[in-house]
Amino acid sequence: VPLPRGSVRADYPGTCPACFKDYDKGAVITKVGET
């Protein structure tokens, strides 16, 4: 599945700075502010 422009797959799990919910490794993420 092609990713939306400016998005990548997460190399490791993390937390979204906007909604404070966790995302898993391999989830589609994009730049939100600085992170």
PDB file of all heavy atoms in Angstrom:
ATOM      1  N   VAL A   1       0.852  -1.189   0.000  1.00  0.00           N
ATOM      2  CA  VAL A   1       0.000   0.000   0.000  1.00  0.00           C
ATOM      3  C   VAL A   1       0.889   1.241   0.000  1.00  0.00           C
ATOM      4  O   VAL A   1       1.748   1.386   0.865  1.00  0.00           O
ATOM      5  CB  VAL A   1      -0.916   0.005   1.244  1.00  0.00           C
ATOM      6  CG1 VAL A   1      -1.739   1.276   1.299  1.00  0.00           C
ATOM      7  CG2 VAL A   1      -1.795  -1.218   1.251  1.00  0.00           C
ATOM      8  N   PRO A   2       0.698   2.163  -0.964  1.00  0.00           N
ATOM      9  CA  PRO A   2       1.531   3.370  -0.966  1.00  0.00           C
ATOM     10  C   PRO A   2       1.151   4.284   0.194  1.00  0.00           C
ATOM     11  O   PRO A   2      -0.013   4.385   0.574  1.00  0.00           O
ATOM     12  CB  PRO A   2       1.204   4.020  -2.310  1.00  0.00           C
ATOM     13  CG  PRO A   2      -0.118   3.479  -2.694  1.00  0.00           C
ATOM     14  CD  PRO A   2      -0.211   2.108  -2.084  1.00  0.00           C
ATOM     15  N   LEU A   3       2.161   4.938   0.765  1.00  0.00           N
ATOM     16  CA  LEU A   3       1.940   5.844   1.890  1.00  0.00           C
ATOM     17  C   LEU A   3       1.545   7.229   1.396  1.00  0.00           C
ATOM     18  O   LEU A   3       1.935   7.634   0.304  1.00  0.00           O
ATOM     19  CB  LEU A   3       3.227   5.962   2.711  1.00  0.00           C
ATOM     20  CG  LEU A   3       3.721   4.697   3.390  1.00  0.00           C
ATOM     21  CD1 LEU A   3       5.050   4.950   4.074  1.00  0.00           C
ATOM     22  CD2 LEU A   3       2.713   4.212   4.391  1.00  0.00           C
ATOM     23  N   PRO A   4       0.791   7.960   2.202  1.00  0.00           N
ATOM     24  CA  PRO A   4       0.491   9.345   1.827  1.00  0.00           C
ATOM     25  C   PRO A   4       1.774  10.168   1.772  1.00  0.00           C
ATOM     26  O   PRO A   4       2.754   9.852   2.450  1.00  0.00           O
ATOM     27  CB  PRO A   4      -0.406   9.833   2.966  1.00  0.00           C
ATOM     28  CG  PRO A   4      -0.885   8.618   3.668  1.00  0.00           C
ATOM     29  CD  PRO A   4       0.130   7.556   3.425  1.00  0.00           C
ATOM     30  N   ARG A   5       1.754  11.236   0.999  1.00  0.00           N
ATOM     31  CA  ARG A   5       2.935  12.076   0.838  1.00  0.00           C
ATOM     32  C   ARG A   5       3.361  12.652   2.188  1.00  0.00           C
ATOM     33  O   ARG A   5       2.553  13.149   2.955  1.00  0.00           O
ATOM     34  CB  ARG A   5       2.614  13.199  -0.134  1.00  0.00           C
ATOM     35  CG  ARG A   5       3.808  14.006  -0.522  1.00  0.00           C
ATOM     36  CD  ARG A   5       3.392  15.058  -1.534  1.00  0.00           C
ATOM     37  NE  ARG A   5       4.544  15.777  -1.992  1.00  0.00           N
ATOM     38  CZ  ARG A   5       5.123  15.588  -3.157  1.00  0.00           C
ATOM     39  NH1 ARG A   5       4.641  14.700  -3.980  1.00  0.00           N
ATOM     40  NH2 ARG A   5       6.182  16.283  -3.507  1.00  0.00           N
ATOM     41  N   GLY A   6       4.655  12.554   2.498  1.00  0.00           N
ATOM     42  CA  GLY A   6       5.197  13.092   3.739  1.00  0.00           C
ATOM     43  C   GLY A   6       5.072  12.146   4.914  1.00  0.00           C
ATOM     44  O   GLY A   6       5.397  12.508   6.032  1.00  0.00           O
ATOM     45  N   SER A   7       4.591  10.924   4.685  1.00  0.00           N
ATOM     46  CA  SER A   7       4.429   9.954   5.764  1.00  0.00           C
ATOM     47  C   SER A   7       5.462   8.849   5.641  1.00  0.00           C
ATOM     48  O   SER A   7       5.975   8.576   4.558  1.00  0.00           O
ATOM     49  CB  SER A   7       3.037   9.333   5.723  1.00  0.00           C
ATOM     50  OG  SER A   7       2.061  10.312   5.909  1.00  0.00           O
ATOM     51  N   VAL A   8       5.759   8.225   6.775  1.00  0.00           N
ATOM     52  CA  VAL A   8       6.693   7.096   6.826  1.00  0.00           C
ATOM     53  C   VAL A   8       6.128   6.050   7.777  1.00  0.00           C
ATOM     54  O   VAL A   8       5.166   6.302   8.498  1.00  0.00           O
ATOM     55  CB  VAL A   8       8.100   7.539   7.307  1.00  0.00           C
ATOM     56  CG1 VAL A   8       8.754   8.484   6.324  1.00  0.00           C
ATOM     57  CG2 VAL A   8       8.035   8.171   8.674  1.00  0.00           C
ATOM     58  N   ARG A   9       6.741   4.889   7.784  1.00  0.00           N
ATOM     59  CA  ARG A   9       6.387   3.859   8.758  1.00  0.00           C
ATOM     60  C   ARG A   9       7.315   4.023   9.962  1.00  0.00           C
ATOM     61  O   ARG A   9       8.511   4.269   9.816  1.00  0.00           O
ATOM     62  CB  ARG A   9       6.559   2.471   8.162  1.00  0.00           C
ATOM     63  CG  ARG A   9       5.575   2.235   7.042  1.00  0.00           C
ATOM     64  CD  ARG A   9       5.047   0.821   7.066  1.00  0.00           C
ATOM     65  NE  ARG A   9       4.101   0.628   5.984  1.00  0.00           N
ATOM     66  CZ  ARG A   9       2.800   0.808   6.122  1.00  0.00           C
ATOM     67  NH1 ARG A   9       2.309   1.160   7.265  1.00  0.00           N
ATOM     68  NH2 ARG A   9       1.997   0.633   5.099  1.00  0.00           N
ATOM     69  N   ALA A  10       6.757   3.893  11.153  1.00  0.00           N
ATOM     70  CA  ALA A  10       7.522   4.083  12.381  1.00  0.00           C
ATOM     71  C   ALA A  10       8.537   2.962  12.540  1.00  0.00           C
ATOM     72  O   ALA A  10       8.207   1.790  12.404  1.00  0.00           O
ATOM     73  CB  ALA A  10       6.579   4.117  13.571  1.00  0.00           C
ATOM     74  N   ASP A  11       9.782   3.333  12.829  1.00  0.00           N
ATOM     75  CA  ASP A  11      10.833   2.347  13.075  1.00  0.00           C
ATOM     76  C   ASP A  11      10.728   1.775  14.482  1.00  0.00           C
ATOM     77  O   ASP A  11      11.214   0.680  14.751  1.00  0.00           O
ATOM     78  CB  ASP A  11      12.216   2.968  12.889  1.00  0.00           C
ATOM     79  CG  ASP A  11      12.512   3.271  11.426  1.00  0.00           C
ATOM     80  OD1 ASP A  11      11.907   2.624  10.557  1.00  0.00           O
ATOM     81  OD2 ASP A  11      13.353   4.150  11.168  1.00  0.00           O
ATOM     82  N   TYR A  12      10.113   2.523  15.377  1.00  0.00           N
ATOM     83  CA  TYR A  12       9.943   2.063  16.752  1.00  0.00           C
ATOM     84  C   TYR A  12       8.667   2.695  17.314  1.00  0.00           C
ATOM     85  O   TYR A  12       8.191   3.702  16.801  1.00  0.00           O
ATOM     86  CB  TYR A  12      11.149   2.433  17.620  1.00  0.00           C
ATOM     87  CG  TYR A  12      11.578   3.862  17.461  1.00  0.00           C
ATOM     88  CD1 TYR A  12      11.033   4.864  18.240  1.00  0.00           C
ATOM     89  CD2 TYR A  12      12.537   4.217  16.509  1.00  0.00           C
ATOM     90  CE1 TYR A  12      11.411   6.179  18.090  1.00  0.00           C
ATOM     91  CE2 TYR A  12      12.927   5.537  16.349  1.00  0.00           C
ATOM     92  CZ  TYR A  12      12.363   6.502  17.148  1.00  0.00           C
ATOM     93  OH  TYR A  12      12.749   7.814  16.990  1.00  0.00           O
ATOM     94  N   PRO A  13       8.095   2.116  18.365  1.00  0.00           N
ATOM     95  CA  PRO A  13       6.862   2.663  18.920  1.00  0.00           C
ATOM     96  C   PRO A  13       7.090   4.040  19.544  1.00  0.00           C
ATOM     97  O   PRO A  13       8.197   4.375  19.946  1.00  0.00           O
ATOM     98  CB  PRO A  13       6.444   1.644  19.971  1.00  0.00           C
ATOM     99  CG  PRO A  13       7.556   0.695  20.123  1.00  0.00           C
ATOM    100  CD  PRO A  13       8.524   0.904  19.010  1.00  0.00           C
ATOM    101  N   GLY A  14       6.030   4.826  19.603  1.00  0.00           N
ATOM    102  CA  GLY A  14       6.142   6.152  20.189  1.00  0.00           C
ATOM    103  C   GLY A  14       4.782   6.683  20.586  1.00  0.00           C
ATOM    104  O   GLY A  14       3.784   5.966  20.575  1.00  0.00           O
ATOM    105  N   THR A  15       4.743   7.979  20.925  1.00  0.00           N
ATOM    106  CA  THR A  15       3.515   8.632  21.342  1.00  0.00           C
ATOM    107  C   THR A  15       3.277   9.858  20.477  1.00  0.00           C
ATOM    108  O   THR A  15       4.198  10.640  20.240  1.00  0.00           O
ATOM    109  CB  THR A  15       3.607   9.049  22.822  1.00  0.00           C
ATOM    110  OG1 THR A  15       3.917   7.905  23.600  1.00  0.00           O
ATOM    111  CG2 THR A  15       2.297   9.639  23.307  1.00  0.00           C
ATOM    112  N   CYS A  16       2.065  10.041  20.023  1.00  0.00           N
ATOM    113  CA  CYS A  16       1.696  11.202  19.214  1.00  0.00           C
ATOM    114  C   CYS A  16       1.665  12.439  20.113  1.00  0.00           C
ATOM    115  O   CYS A  16       1.046  12.409  21.175  1.00  0.00           O
ATOM    116  CB  CYS A  16       0.333  10.972  18.573  1.00  0.00           C
ATOM    117  SG  CYS A  16      -0.257  12.380  17.626  1.00  0.00           S
ATOM    118  N   PRO A  17       2.330  13.535  19.715  1.00  0.00           N
ATOM    119  CA  PRO A  17       2.346  14.727  20.564  1.00  0.00           C
ATOM    120  C   PRO A  17       1.014  15.481  20.588  1.00  0.00           C
ATOM    121  O   PRO A  17       0.773  16.270  21.492  1.00  0.00           O
ATOM    122  CB  PRO A  17       3.435  15.586  19.932  1.00  0.00           C
ATOM    123  CG  PRO A  17       3.451  15.177  18.506  1.00  0.00           C
ATOM    124  CD  PRO A  17       3.111  13.709  18.501  1.00  0.00           C
ATOM    125  N   ALA A  18       0.138  15.242  19.614  1.00  0.00           N
ATOM    126  CA  ALA A  18      -1.123  15.975  19.553  1.00  0.00           C
ATOM    127  C   ALA A  18      -2.214  15.316  20.398  1.00  0.00           C
ATOM    128  O   ALA A  18      -2.913  15.986  21.150  1.00  0.00           O
ATOM    129  CB  ALA A  18      -1.588  16.097  18.108  1.00  0.00           C
ATOM    130  N   CYS A  19      -2.357  13.988  20.270  1.00  0.00           N
ATOM    131  CA  CYS A  19      -3.445  13.305  20.982  1.00  0.00           C
ATOM    132  C   CYS A  19      -2.940  12.461  22.157  1.00  0.00           C
ATOM    133  O   CYS A  19      -3.739  11.885  22.891  1.00  0.00           O
ATOM    134  CB  CYS A  19      -4.232  12.418  20.015  1.00  0.00           C
ATOM    135  SG  CYS A  19      -3.284  11.059  19.321  1.00  0.00           S
ATOM    136  N   PHE A  20      -1.630  12.350  22.324  1.00  0.00           N
ATOM    137  CA  PHE A  20      -0.993  11.596  23.414  1.00  0.00           C
ATOM    138  C   PHE A  20      -1.351  10.120  23.412  1.00  0.00           C
ATOM    139  O   PHE A  20      -1.285   9.464  24.436  1.00  0.00           O
ATOM    140  CB  PHE A  20      -1.308  12.222  24.781  1.00  0.00           C
ATOM    141  CG  PHE A  20      -0.874  13.650  24.883  1.00  0.00           C
ATOM    142  CD1 PHE A  20      -1.789  14.670  24.842  1.00  0.00           C
ATOM    143  CD2 PHE A  20       0.473  13.958  24.990  1.00  0.00           C
ATOM    144  CE1 PHE A  20      -1.392  15.993  24.920  1.00  0.00           C
ATOM    145  CE2 PHE A  20       0.886  15.278  25.061  1.00  0.00           C
ATOM    146  CZ  PHE A  20      -0.041  16.295  25.035  1.00  0.00           C
ATOM    147  N   LYS A  21      -1.722   9.584  22.244  1.00  0.00           N
ATOM    148  CA  LYS A  21      -1.980   8.147  22.120  1.00  0.00           C
ATOM    149  C   LYS A  21      -0.738   7.487  21.540  1.00  0.00           C
ATOM    150  O   LYS A  21       0.000   8.086  20.768  1.00  0.00           O
ATOM    151  CB  LYS A  21      -3.180   7.883  21.208  1.00  0.00           C
ATOM    152  CG  LYS A  21      -4.492   8.335  21.818  1.00  0.00           C
ATOM    153  CD  LYS A  21      -5.650   7.985  20.915  1.00  0.00           C
ATOM    154  CE  LYS A  21      -6.956   8.468  21.521  1.00  0.00           C
ATOM    155  NZ  LYS A  21      -8.088   8.240  20.624  1.00  0.00           N
ATOM    156  N   ASP A  22      -0.525   6.222  21.920  1.00  0.00           N
ATOM    157  CA  ASP A  22       0.646   5.486  21.445  1.00  0.00           C
ATOM    158  C   ASP A  22       0.427   4.971  20.036  1.00  0.00           C
ATOM    159  O   ASP A  22      -0.703   4.713  19.628  1.00  0.00           O
ATOM    160  CB  ASP A  22       0.937   4.299  22.369  1.00  0.00           C
ATOM    161  CG  ASP A  22       1.333   4.752  23.772  1.00  0.00           C
ATOM    162  OD1 ASP A  22       1.872   5.872  23.896  1.00  0.00           O
ATOM    163  OD2 ASP A  22       1.103   3.984  24.719  1.00  0.00           O
ATOM    164  N   TYR A  23       1.528   4.826  19.296  1.00  0.00           N
ATOM    165  CA  TYR A  23       1.486   4.147  18.000  1.00  0.00           C
ATOM    166  C   TYR A  23       2.553   3.059  18.010  1.00  0.00           C
ATOM    167  O   TYR A  23       3.561   3.160  18.701  1.00  0.00           O
ATOM    168  CB  TYR A  23       1.672   5.114  16.828  1.00  0.00           C
ATOM    169  CG  TYR A  23       2.930   5.943  16.856  1.00  0.00           C
ATOM    170  CD1 TYR A  23       4.137   5.443  16.379  1.00  0.00           C
ATOM    171  CD2 TYR A  23       2.912   7.241  17.343  1.00  0.00           C
ATOM    172  CE1 TYR A  23       5.284   6.215  16.402  1.00  0.00           C
ATOM    173  CE2 TYR A  23       4.052   8.016  17.364  1.00  0.00           C
ATOM    174  CZ  TYR A  23       5.238   7.498  16.891  1.00  0.00           C
ATOM    175  OH  TYR A  23       6.377   8.247  16.910  1.00  0.00           O
ATOM    176  N   ASP A  24       2.279   1.975  17.278  1.00  0.00           N
ATOM    177  CA  ASP A  24       3.160   0.810  17.255  1.00  0.00           C
ATOM    178  C   ASP A  24       4.241   0.952  16.206  1.00  0.00           C
ATOM    179  O   ASP A  24       4.164   1.812  15.323  1.00  0.00           O
ATOM    180  CB  ASP A  24       2.342  -0.457  16.955  1.00  0.00           C
ATOM    181  CG  ASP A  24       1.325  -0.745  18.040  1.00  0.00           C
ATOM    182  OD1 ASP A  24       1.593  -0.401  19.212  1.00  0.00           O
ATOM    183  OD2 ASP A  24       0.261  -1.316  17.715  1.00  0.00           O
ATOM    184  N   LYS A  25       5.210   0.068  16.284  1.00  0.00           N
ATOM    185  CA  LYS A  25       6.234  -0.009  15.253  1.00  0.00           C
ATOM    186  C   LYS A  25       5.563  -0.424  13.948  1.00  0.00           C
ATOM    187  O   LYS A  25       4.731  -1.315  13.923  1.00  0.00           O
ATOM    188  CB  LYS A  25       7.283  -1.050  15.646  1.00  0.00           C
ATOM    189  CG  LYS A  25       8.363  -1.241  14.617  1.00  0.00           C
ATOM    190  CD  LYS A  25       9.357  -2.301  15.048  1.00  0.00           C
ATOM    191  CE  LYS A  25      10.379  -2.512  13.960  1.00  0.00           C
ATOM    192  NZ  LYS A  25      11.345  -3.550  14.320  1.00  0.00           N
ATOM    193  N   GLY A  26       5.877   0.286  12.851  1.00  0.00           N
ATOM    194  CA  GLY A  26       5.295  -0.024  11.554  1.00  0.00           C
ATOM    195  C   GLY A  26       4.044   0.781  11.241  1.00  0.00           C
ATOM    196  O   GLY A  26       3.532   0.703  10.132  1.00  0.00           O
ATOM    197  N   ALA A  27       3.555   1.574  12.210  1.00  0.00           N
ATOM    198  CA  ALA A  27       2.376   2.403  11.961  1.00  0.00           C
ATOM    199  C   ALA A  27       2.759   3.576  11.062  1.00  0.00           C
ATOM    200  O   ALA A  27       3.905   4.017  11.051  1.00  0.00           O
ATOM    201  CB  ALA A  27       1.810   2.925  13.277  1.00  0.00           C
ATOM    202  N   VAL A  28       1.800   4.083  10.301  1.00  0.00           N
ATOM    203  CA  VAL A  28       2.041   5.228   9.423  1.00  0.00           C
ATOM    204  C   VAL A  28       2.050   6.488  10.284  1.00  0.00           C
ATOM    205  O   VAL A  28       1.107   6.744  11.038  1.00  0.00           O
ATOM    206  CB  VAL A  28       0.955   5.325   8.334  1.00  0.00           C
ATOM    207  CG1 VAL A  28       1.173   6.552   7.470  1.00  0.00           C
ATOM    208  CG2 VAL A  28       0.953   4.080   7.479  1.00  0.00           C
ATOM    209  N   ILE A  29       3.135   7.269  10.198  1.00  0.00           N
ATOM    210  CA  ILE A  29       3.252   8.508  10.960  1.00  0.00           C
ATOM    211  C   ILE A  29       3.706   9.636  10.047  1.00  0.00           C
ATOM    212  O   ILE A  29       4.231   9.386   8.955  1.00  0.00           O
ATOM    213  CB  ILE A  29       4.227   8.363  12.152  1.00  0.00           C
ATOM    214  CG1 ILE A  29       5.608   7.900  11.685  1.00  0.00           C
ATOM    215  CG2 ILE A  29       3.665   7.434  13.206  1.00  0.00           C
ATOM    216  CD1 ILE A  29       6.666   7.879  12.766  1.00  0.00           C
ATOM    217  N   THR A  30       3.504  10.871  10.485  1.00  0.00           N
ATOM    218  CA  THR A  30       3.908  12.042   9.725  1.00  0.00           C
ATOM    219  C   THR A  30       4.370  13.115  10.700  1.00  0.00           C
ATOM    220  O   THR A  30       4.160  12.995  11.911  1.00  0.00           O
ATOM    221  CB  THR A  30       2.754  12.542   8.837  1.00  0.00           C
ATOM    222  OG1 THR A  30       3.248  13.535   7.968  1.00  0.00           O
ATOM    223  CG2 THR A  30       1.623  13.110   9.659  1.00  0.00           C
ATOM    224  N   LYS A  31       4.984  14.191  10.189  1.00  0.00           N
ATOM    225  CA  LYS A  31       5.467  15.269  11.044  1.00  0.00           C
ATOM    226  C   LYS A  31       4.289  16.007  11.668  1.00  0.00           C
ATOM    227  O   LYS A  31       3.378  16.434  10.979  1.00  0.00           O
ATOM    228  CB  LYS A  31       6.263  16.279  10.224  1.00  0.00           C
ATOM    229  CG  LYS A  31       7.759  16.049  10.176  1.00  0.00           C
ATOM    230  CD  LYS A  31       8.389  16.129  11.507  1.00  0.00           C
ATOM    231  CE  LYS A  31       9.818  16.620  11.404  1.00  0.00           C
ATOM    232  NZ  LYS A  31      10.538  16.405  12.623  1.00  0.00           N
ATOM    233  N   VAL A  32       4.313  16.157  12.973  1.00  0.00           N
ATOM    234  CA  VAL A  32       3.326  16.943  13.711  1.00  0.00           C
ATOM    235  C   VAL A  32       4.127  17.933  14.544  1.00  0.00           C
ATOM    236  O   VAL A  32       4.657  17.576  15.590  1.00  0.00           O
ATOM    237  CB  VAL A  32       2.440  16.060  14.606  1.00  0.00           C
ATOM    238  CG1 VAL A  32       1.450  16.906  15.392  1.00  0.00           C
ATOM    239  CG2 VAL A  32       1.726  15.009  13.804  1.00  0.00           C
ATOM    240  N   GLY A  33       4.240  19.142  14.053  1.00  0.00           N
ATOM    241  CA  GLY A  33       5.080  20.133  14.742  1.00  0.00           C
ATOM    242  C   GLY A  33       6.542  19.752  14.612  1.00  0.00           C
ATOM    243  O   GLY A  33       7.065  19.570  13.516  1.00  0.00           O
ATOM    244  N   GLU A  34       7.208  19.613  15.748  1.00  0.00           N
ATOM    245  CA  GLU A  34       8.638  19.273  15.770  1.00  0.00           C
ATOM    246  C   GLU A  34       8.878  17.764  15.735  1.00  0.00           C
ATOM    247  O   GLU A  34       9.964  17.321  15.389  1.00  0.00           O
ATOM    248  CB  GLU A  34       9.286  19.847  17.036  1.00  0.00           C
ATOM    249  CG  GLU A  34       9.243  21.352  17.120  1.00  0.00           C
ATOM    250  CD  GLU A  34      10.322  22.004  16.288  1.00  0.00           C
ATOM    251  OE1 GLU A  34      11.442  21.463  16.242  1.00  0.00           O
ATOM    252  OE2 GLU A  34      10.035  23.037  15.677  1.00  0.00           O
ATOM    253  N   THR A  35       7.882  16.964  16.163  1.00  0.00           N
ATOM    254  CA  THR A  35       8.073  15.514  16.261  1.00  0.00           C
ATOM    255  C   THR A  35       7.136  14.779  15.317  1.00  0.00           C
ATOM    256  O   THR A  35       6.532  15.380  14.440  1.00  0.00           O
ATOM    257  CB  THR A  35       7.820  15.046  17.716  1.00  0.00           C
ATOM    258  OG1 THR A  35       6.485  15.393  18.071  1.00  0.00           O
ATOM    259  CG2 THR A  35       8.787  15.715  18.682  1.00  0.00           C
TER     260      THR A  35
END
